[in-house]
Amino acid sequence: VNRGVCSYEQAKEFFRPNLSKLHDPFLMKDMDLAVNRILKSIDRQESIMIFGDYDVDGICSVALLSTYLKKIGAKVPSMGILIFDFDSFVQNALNPVASVPTTTAVGVEKSTFS
C-alpha cells in the first residue's frame, strides 16, 4: 500500500518485475558521463572505490556493482568496497584510497551536510 500497490494486478506486476518495464537509466542526469568515466577507468586500470550504505539496497547494490565491474575487468580493491553513511563518503572522498569513488543507493537525506 505504501508503494501504491492496491490491487492483485498491481501486486503481481510489483512482485514479478519485467526488464522491459524498467526505466532507462540514461534518463538520469549525466549518466552517460558516469558510464564513460567508469569505462575509461577500466581501460586505464584505475582503482574504483564503491561506497554504499548499511541498508538492504545499499549492501546489495555494492555487491552487484563490484561483482559486475570485476567481471568486466575493473580494478575494485577489496578495501574499495566500503559500507558507510553519507557523511563518511564526503570525508573519504576528500582523501580517496582509489582514483574513482563511486556511490550506490546512498540517501542524501541522511547527511548532516545538507
Protein backbone atom coordinates (compact mmCIF):
# COMPACT_ATOMS: atom_id res chain seq x y z
CA VAL A 1 0.00 0.00 0.00
CA ASN A 2 2.91 2.36 0.76
CA ARG A 3 4.10 1.96 -2.83
CA GLY A 4 0.66 2.42 -4.38
CA VAL A 5 0.09 -1.32 -4.80
CA CYS A 6 -3.60 -1.76 -4.07
CA SER A 7 -4.88 -4.44 -6.44
CA TYR A 8 -3.96 -8.00 -7.31
CA GLU A 9 -2.74 -6.94 -10.78
CA GLN A 10 -0.54 -4.21 -9.30
CA ALA A 11 0.87 -6.66 -6.74
CA LYS A 12 1.56 -9.22 -9.46
CA GLU A 13 3.38 -6.61 -11.54
CA PHE A 14 5.33 -5.38 -8.49
CA PHE A 15 6.49 -8.84 -7.35
CA ARG A 16 7.11 -10.19 -10.86
CA PRO A 17 9.06 -7.37 -12.50
CA ASN A 18 9.79 -7.35 -16.20
CA LEU A 19 13.01 -5.87 -17.66
CA SER A 20 11.04 -4.20 -20.45
CA LYS A 21 9.19 -2.09 -17.87
CA LEU A 22 12.31 -0.68 -16.20
CA HIS A 23 13.11 2.99 -16.71
CA ASP A 24 16.00 3.86 -18.97
CA PRO A 25 18.93 4.59 -16.60
CA PHE A 26 20.27 7.13 -19.09
CA LEU A 27 17.34 9.38 -18.21
CA MET A 28 19.30 10.18 -15.03
CA LYS A 29 21.26 13.40 -15.36
CA ASP A 30 24.86 12.83 -16.53
CA MET A 31 24.56 9.02 -16.58
CA ASP A 32 26.47 8.99 -19.87
CA LEU A 33 29.34 10.90 -18.24
CA ALA A 34 29.44 8.47 -15.31
CA VAL A 35 29.44 5.39 -17.55
CA ASN A 36 32.16 6.85 -19.77
CA ARG A 37 34.29 7.69 -16.72
CA ILE A 38 33.97 4.15 -15.36
CA LEU A 39 34.84 2.66 -18.77
CA LYS A 40 37.86 4.97 -19.01
CA SER A 41 39.00 3.89 -15.54
CA ILE A 42 38.80 0.25 -16.60
CA ASP A 43 40.92 0.96 -19.69
CA ARG A 44 43.47 2.81 -17.55
CA GLN A 45 43.37 0.16 -14.78
CA GLU A 46 42.48 2.81 -12.18
CA SER A 47 41.05 1.65 -8.87
CA ILE A 48 37.31 2.09 -8.39
CA MET A 49 36.09 2.57 -4.82
CA ILE A 50 32.46 1.58 -4.31
CA PHE A 51 30.58 3.17 -1.42
CA GLY A 52 27.18 2.04 -0.20
CA ASP A 53 25.15 2.39 2.98
CA TYR A 54 24.05 -0.16 5.59
CA ASP A 55 20.52 -0.89 4.36
CA VAL A 56 19.42 -3.77 2.14
CA ASP A 57 19.55 -1.91 -1.16
CA GLY A 58 22.92 -0.38 -0.29
CA ILE A 59 24.59 -3.68 0.56
CA CYS A 60 23.05 -5.47 -2.44
CA SER A 61 23.98 -2.70 -4.85
CA VAL A 62 27.61 -2.67 -3.63
CA ALA A 63 27.79 -6.44 -4.07
CA LEU A 64 26.18 -6.39 -7.53
CA LEU A 65 28.19 -3.48 -8.87
CA SER A 66 31.52 -4.74 -7.55
CA THR A 67 30.87 -8.24 -8.93
CA TYR A 68 29.90 -6.85 -12.34
CA LEU A 69 32.78 -4.39 -12.55
CA LYS A 70 35.32 -7.07 -11.60
CA LYS A 71 33.82 -9.38 -14.22
CA ILE A 72 34.36 -6.79 -16.97
CA GLY A 73 37.95 -6.17 -15.88
CA ALA A 74 37.70 -3.30 -13.42
CA LYS A 75 40.19 -2.93 -10.61
CA VAL A 76 37.98 -2.92 -7.48
CA PRO A 77 40.24 -3.42 -4.46
CA SER A 78 38.76 -5.35 -1.56
CA MET A 79 39.27 -2.28 0.60
CA GLY A 80 37.44 -0.29 -2.05
CA ILE A 81 34.10 -1.83 -1.12
CA LEU A 82 33.10 0.15 1.94
CA ILE A 83 29.69 0.20 3.56
CA PHE A 84 29.18 3.59 5.15
CA ASP A 85 26.94 6.53 5.81
CA PHE A 86 26.85 9.59 3.56
CA ASP A 87 28.99 11.72 5.88
CA SER A 88 31.74 9.09 5.73
CA PHE A 89 31.66 9.26 1.95
CA VAL A 90 32.20 13.01 1.98
CA GLN A 91 35.15 12.62 4.36
CA ASN A 92 36.67 9.71 2.37
CA ALA A 93 36.14 11.43 -0.97
CA LEU A 94 38.42 14.23 0.21
CA ASN A 95 41.24 11.69 0.71
CA PRO A 96 40.37 8.78 -1.59
CA VAL A 97 42.05 5.37 -1.49
CA ALA A 98 41.04 4.80 -5.13
CA SER A 99 41.10 7.17 -8.07
CA VAL A 100 37.40 6.74 -8.91
CA PRO A 101 34.96 6.99 -5.98
CA THR A 102 31.51 5.59 -6.83
CA THR A 103 28.32 5.56 -4.76
CA THR A 104 25.37 3.19 -4.79
CA ALA A 105 21.96 3.59 -3.13
CA VAL A 106 23.07 6.36 -0.79
CA GLY A 107 20.29 8.53 0.56
CA VAL A 108 21.48 12.11 0.80
CA GLU A 109 18.66 12.96 3.21
CA LYS A 110 20.76 11.22 5.88
CA SER A 111 23.60 13.68 5.52
CA THR A 112 24.45 16.32 8.08
CA PHE A 113 25.95 18.29 5.16
CA SER A 114 22.52 19.01 3.59
